[in-house]
């Protein structure tokens, strides 16, 4: 019964809008299109969030590696291990715990607050870089 009442309301609304032909199919298509657009945006946003987190983790790993005295391939390996740990656990706090333990073992003087602040700064930088790259790709689609 509620369905029919809603259908009558939608039909009346369509007539008020000057639509002489009200087709349930076209209305559903509009809703379907909106739903698909919303789902596509959500997927896109999740992809950007994932990319930003991976980039942040790499940069945070390189920063931590430098503090630990690692350079070159050793620094890259350390950063890669943090990325892999985050992908397995899907938990940024695990990266913090790893860095904290490594800093403590090596006697690196960095507070929890400093590590978290650096992670936050690097995440913001990663987001900005991704937005810039996306904007450039959109502005010059044939160059990429």
Protein backbone atom coordinates (compact mmCIF):
# COMPACT_ATOMS: atom_id res chain seq x y z
CA UNK A 1 0.00 0.00 0.00
CA UNK A 2 2.82 2.42 0.89
CA UNK A 3 4.43 1.71 -2.49
CA UNK A 4 1.27 2.77 -4.31
CA UNK A 5 1.00 5.91 -2.20
CA UNK A 6 4.58 6.81 -3.02
CA UNK A 7 3.97 6.11 -6.70
CA UNK A 8 0.95 8.42 -6.68
CA UNK A 9 3.01 11.12 -4.92
CA UNK A 10 5.83 10.77 -7.47
CA UNK A 11 3.31 10.96 -10.31
CA UNK A 12 1.75 14.10 -8.82
CA UNK A 13 5.20 15.61 -8.34
CA UNK A 14 6.08 14.86 -11.95
CA UNK A 15 2.91 16.56 -13.11
CA UNK A 16 3.66 19.63 -10.98
CA UNK A 17 7.08 19.80 -12.64
CA UNK A 18 5.40 19.86 -16.03
CA UNK A 19 6.29 16.32 -16.97
CA UNK A 20 3.40 15.10 -19.08
CA UNK A 21 4.66 11.54 -19.26
CA UNK A 22 5.67 9.86 -16.07
CA UNK A 23 7.49 6.61 -16.56
CA UNK A 24 8.59 4.60 -13.59
CA UNK A 25 11.39 3.16 -15.71
CA UNK A 26 12.97 6.55 -16.36
CA UNK A 27 12.71 7.47 -12.70
CA UNK A 28 14.39 4.23 -11.71
CA UNK A 29 17.06 4.83 -14.30
CA UNK A 30 17.79 8.21 -12.70
CA UNK A 31 18.00 6.64 -9.26
CA UNK A 32 20.15 3.82 -10.64
CA UNK A 33 22.46 6.34 -12.30
CA UNK A 34 22.79 8.32 -9.08
CA UNK A 35 23.49 5.15 -7.15
CA UNK A 36 26.12 4.07 -9.66
CA UNK A 37 27.71 7.54 -9.60
CA UNK A 38 27.78 7.47 -5.79
CA UNK A 39 29.33 4.01 -5.78
CA UNK A 40 31.92 5.07 -8.36
CA UNK A 41 32.84 8.15 -6.29
CA UNK A 42 33.09 6.06 -3.14
CA UNK A 43 35.37 3.56 -4.90
CA UNK A 44 37.48 6.41 -6.31
CA UNK A 45 37.78 8.05 -2.88
CA UNK A 46 38.80 4.73 -1.31
CA UNK A 47 41.42 4.22 -4.01
CA UNK A 48 42.86 7.70 -3.38
CA UNK A 49 42.87 7.07 0.37
CA UNK A 50 44.70 3.77 -0.19
CA UNK A 51 47.29 5.43 -2.45
CA UNK A 52 47.82 8.27 0.02
CA UNK A 53 48.33 5.82 2.91
CA UNK A 54 50.84 3.74 0.93
CA UNK A 55 52.75 6.89 -0.07
CA UNK A 56 52.70 8.19 3.52
CA UNK A 57 53.93 4.85 4.81
CA UNK A 58 56.81 4.82 2.34
CA UNK A 59 57.85 8.35 3.25
CA UNK A 60 57.44 7.63 6.97
CA UNK A 61 59.56 4.51 6.55
CA UNK A 62 62.27 6.48 4.77
CA UNK A 63 62.16 9.16 7.49
CA UNK A 64 62.42 6.51 10.23
CA UNK A 65 65.17 4.69 8.35
CA UNK A 66 67.19 7.91 8.20
CA UNK A 67 66.76 8.35 11.98
CA UNK A 68 67.95 4.75 12.39
CA UNK A 69 71.04 5.44 10.28
CA UNK A 70 69.89 3.36 7.32
CA UNK A 71 70.69 4.56 3.80
CA UNK A 72 70.26 3.39 0.23
CA UNK A 73 68.82 -0.07 -0.24
CA UNK A 74 68.58 -0.65 3.53
CA UNK A 75 66.37 2.44 3.88
CA UNK A 76 64.21 1.37 0.93
CA UNK A 77 63.88 -2.14 2.38
CA UNK A 78 62.83 -0.71 5.74
CA UNK A 79 60.18 1.50 4.11
CA UNK A 80 58.94 -1.42 2.00
CA UNK A 81 58.63 -3.59 5.11
CA UNK A 82 56.42 -0.96 6.75
CA UNK A 83 54.20 -0.77 3.68
CA UNK A 84 53.88 -4.56 3.65
CA UNK A 85 53.05 -4.62 7.37
CA UNK A 86 50.31 -2.04 6.88
CA UNK A 87 48.87 -3.95 3.92
CA UNK A 88 48.76 -7.13 6.01
CA UNK A 89 47.33 -5.57 9.15
CA UNK A 90 45.49 -2.63 7.52
CA UNK A 91 46.30 -0.67 10.64
CA UNK A 92 48.48 2.43 10.72
CA UNK A 93 49.01 1.89 14.44
CA UNK A 94 51.06 -1.22 13.63
CA UNK A 95 53.50 0.95 11.69
CA UNK A 96 53.77 3.29 14.65
CA UNK A 97 54.45 0.35 16.99
CA UNK A 98 57.15 -0.97 14.67
CA UNK A 99 58.86 2.41 14.40
CA UNK A 100 58.54 2.98 18.16
CA UNK A 101 60.13 -0.40 18.91
CA UNK A 102 62.92 0.17 16.37
CA UNK A 103 63.63 3.65 17.73
CA UNK A 104 63.69 2.34 21.29
CA UNK A 105 66.05 -0.51 20.34
CA UNK A 106 68.39 1.88 18.53
CA UNK A 107 68.20 4.65 21.15
CA UNK A 108 66.59 7.16 18.74
CA UNK A 109 65.14 10.07 20.70
CA UNK A 110 61.71 10.68 19.16
CA UNK A 111 58.54 10.97 21.22
CA UNK A 112 55.30 9.24 20.32
CA UNK A 113 53.87 12.67 19.56
CA UNK A 114 56.73 13.46 17.15
CA UNK A 115 56.24 10.18 15.27
CA UNK A 116 52.47 10.68 15.01
CA UNK A 117 52.92 14.32 13.96
CA UNK A 118 55.37 13.27 11.24
CA UNK A 119 52.92 10.61 10.02
CA UNK A 120 50.13 13.20 9.89
CA UNK A 121 52.33 15.69 8.01
CA UNK A 122 53.36 13.05 5.50
CA UNK A 123 49.76 11.93 4.97
CA UNK A 124 48.74 15.51 4.17
CA UNK A 125 51.68 15.84 1.77
CA UNK A 126 50.73 12.54 0.10
CA UNK A 127 47.12 13.66 -0.33
CA UNK A 128 48.23 16.97 -1.85
CA UNK A 129 50.64 15.21 -4.21
CA UNK A 130 47.97 12.77 -5.37
CA UNK A 131 45.49 15.62 -5.92
CA UNK A 132 48.10 17.54 -7.93
CA UNK A 133 48.95 14.53 -10.08
CA UNK A 134 45.24 13.84 -10.66
CA UNK A 135 44.58 17.47 -11.60
CA UNK A 136 47.51 17.48 -14.03
CA UNK A 137 46.35 14.22 -15.60
CA UNK A 138 42.85 15.64 -15.99
CA UNK A 139 44.17 18.87 -17.51
CA UNK A 140 46.50 17.04 -19.90
CA UNK A 141 44.94 13.61 -20.51
CA UNK A 142 47.09 12.67 -23.52
CA UNK A 143 50.42 13.32 -21.87
CA UNK A 144 50.18 10.45 -19.36
